[in-house]
Amino acid sequence: QVQVVESGGGLVQAGGSLRLSCAASGSIFSINTMGWYRQAPGKQRELVATITSGETTNYADSVKGRFTISIDNAKSTVYLQMNSLKPEDTAVYYCNADGWLYREGRKNYWGQGIQVTVSS
């Protein structure tokens, strides 16, 4: 199986920056897409950004120009650089890994989530 582990969250003031990391490890896993989603209290989980193994990116309109997603395929790790943070970015951020697991086929995994809090 594959474990997806996020790191790098925390508390930051509005206008500040944070960098999230997410590593997929375990069994032989060929990444198709990795991405970040977030869920604020009382709201549904929403897409933040995704990136393919070929480094094609997709961003939510609310984070375009402020957040940058990148991937290290050799390490099966995805990063989310978050700049100019706003209080409305406060949420639990979840990492998602989609790909092909050796001898198992197409699989999709979620991390446990990491808290990002932006104070005003």
Protein backbone atom coordinates (compact mmCIF):
# COMPACT_ATOMS: atom_id res chain seq x y z
CA GLN A 1 0.00 0.00 0.00
CA VAL A 2 0.89 3.68 -0.21
CA GLN A 3 1.12 6.20 2.59
CA VAL A 4 0.55 9.87 1.90
CA VAL A 5 1.99 12.19 4.53
CA GLU A 6 1.68 15.98 4.63
CA SER A 7 3.93 18.41 6.48
CA GLY A 8 4.58 22.12 6.78
CA GLY A 9 1.30 23.54 8.04
CA GLY A 10 0.90 25.94 10.91
CA LEU A 11 -0.10 29.42 11.93
CA VAL A 12 0.91 32.48 9.92
CA GLN A 13 -0.16 36.11 9.75
CA ALA A 14 -2.04 37.45 6.76
CA GLY A 15 0.37 38.30 3.97
CA GLY A 16 2.80 35.63 5.08
CA SER A 17 3.94 32.41 3.42
CA LEU A 18 3.95 28.70 4.10
CA ARG A 19 5.23 25.72 2.17
CA LEU A 20 3.42 22.41 2.37
CA SER A 21 5.03 19.12 1.43
CA CYS A 22 3.44 15.77 0.71
CA ALA A 23 5.26 12.51 0.17
CA ALA A 24 3.75 9.30 -1.19
CA SER A 25 5.71 6.27 -0.03
CA GLY A 26 5.40 2.54 0.34
CA SER A 27 4.70 0.14 -2.48
CA ILE A 28 5.76 0.71 -6.06
CA PHE A 29 3.51 3.54 -7.19
CA SER A 30 3.60 5.39 -10.49
CA ILE A 31 2.17 8.83 -10.04
CA ASN A 32 -0.39 10.17 -12.47
CA THR A 33 -1.48 13.29 -10.57
CA MET A 34 -0.88 14.72 -7.12
CA GLY A 35 -2.75 17.59 -5.66
CA TRP A 36 -3.89 19.66 -2.73
CA TYR A 37 -7.43 20.14 -1.53
CA ARG A 38 -8.73 22.04 1.47
CA GLN A 39 -11.72 22.04 3.74
CA ALA A 40 -12.71 24.96 5.91
CA PRO A 41 -15.11 24.54 8.85
CA GLY A 42 -18.67 24.14 7.63
CA LYS A 43 -17.63 23.96 4.00
CA GLN A 44 -17.08 21.22 1.45
CA ARG A 45 -13.64 20.07 0.46
CA GLU A 46 -12.40 22.01 -2.54
CA LEU A 47 -9.59 21.74 -5.02
CA VAL A 48 -6.60 24.01 -4.45
CA ALA A 49 -4.13 22.82 -7.07
CA THR A 50 -3.09 19.70 -8.93
CA ILE A 51 -0.04 18.69 -10.92
CA THR A 52 0.61 15.76 -13.22
CA SER A 53 3.83 13.80 -13.42
CA GLY A 54 4.43 15.76 -16.62
CA GLU A 55 4.12 18.96 -14.54
CA THR A 56 0.86 20.18 -16.01
CA THR A 57 -0.77 22.31 -13.33
CA ASN A 58 -4.28 23.37 -12.45
CA TYR A 59 -5.25 25.96 -9.84
CA ALA A 60 -8.42 27.16 -8.19
CA ASP A 61 -9.19 30.73 -9.21
CA SER A 62 -8.96 31.82 -5.57
CA VAL A 63 -5.27 30.90 -5.32
CA LYS A 64 -3.98 31.73 -8.80
CA GLY A 65 -0.99 34.05 -8.64
CA ARG A 66 -0.45 33.34 -4.93
CA PHE A 67 0.11 29.57 -4.70
CA THR A 68 2.55 27.45 -6.69
CA ILE A 69 2.45 23.67 -6.90
CA SER A 70 5.50 21.64 -7.89
CA ILE A 71 6.49 17.99 -7.98
CA ASP A 72 9.62 15.93 -7.48
CA ASN A 73 8.83 12.73 -9.32
CA ALA A 74 11.96 10.97 -8.10
CA LYS A 75 10.83 11.50 -4.50
CA SER A 76 7.08 11.12 -5.18
CA THR A 77 6.70 14.42 -3.38
CA VAL A 78 4.53 17.40 -4.15
CA TYR A 79 4.96 20.89 -2.74
CA LEU A 80 2.60 23.81 -2.34
CA GLN A 81 4.21 27.21 -1.90
CA MET A 82 1.61 29.56 -0.48
CA ASN A 83 2.33 33.29 -0.58
CA SER A 84 0.24 36.34 0.28
CA LEU A 85 -1.90 34.21 2.54
CA LYS A 86 -5.34 35.45 3.52
CA PRO A 87 -7.56 34.54 6.47
CA GLU A 88 -9.91 32.82 4.02
CA ASP A 89 -7.11 30.37 3.21
CA THR A 90 -7.54 28.93 6.69
CA ALA A 91 -8.49 25.28 6.34
CA VAL A 92 -7.32 21.72 6.71
CA TYR A 93 -5.25 20.96 3.63
CA TYR A 94 -5.33 17.44 2.23
CA CYS A 95 -2.89 15.86 -0.19
CA ASN A 96 -4.13 13.48 -2.84
CA ALA A 97 -2.10 11.01 -4.88
CA ASP A 98 -3.51 9.29 -7.94
CA GLY A 99 -1.60 6.70 -9.89
CA TRP A 100 -0.84 3.11 -10.68
CA LEU A 101 0.06 0.69 -7.90
CA TYR A 102 2.24 -2.24 -8.96
CA ARG A 103 0.05 -5.32 -9.55
CA GLU A 104 -3.01 -3.52 -8.19
CA GLY A 105 -3.97 -1.05 -10.90
CA ARG A 106 -5.25 2.51 -10.59
CA LYS A 107 -5.41 3.74 -7.01
CA ASN A 108 -6.18 7.00 -5.23
CA TYR A 109 -4.91 7.95 -1.79
CA TRP A 110 -5.53 10.78 0.66
CA GLY A 111 -3.32 12.13 3.41
CA GLN A 112 -4.60 12.72 6.92
CA GLY A 113 -4.74 16.48 6.48
CA ILE A 114 -2.75 19.35 7.92
CA GLN A 115 -4.02 22.56 9.49
CA VAL A 116 -3.20 25.94 7.97
CA THR A 117 -4.37 28.95 9.96
CA VAL A 118 -3.99 32.51 8.72
CA SER A 119 -4.58 35.22 11.29
CA SER A 120 -5.76 38.69 10.35
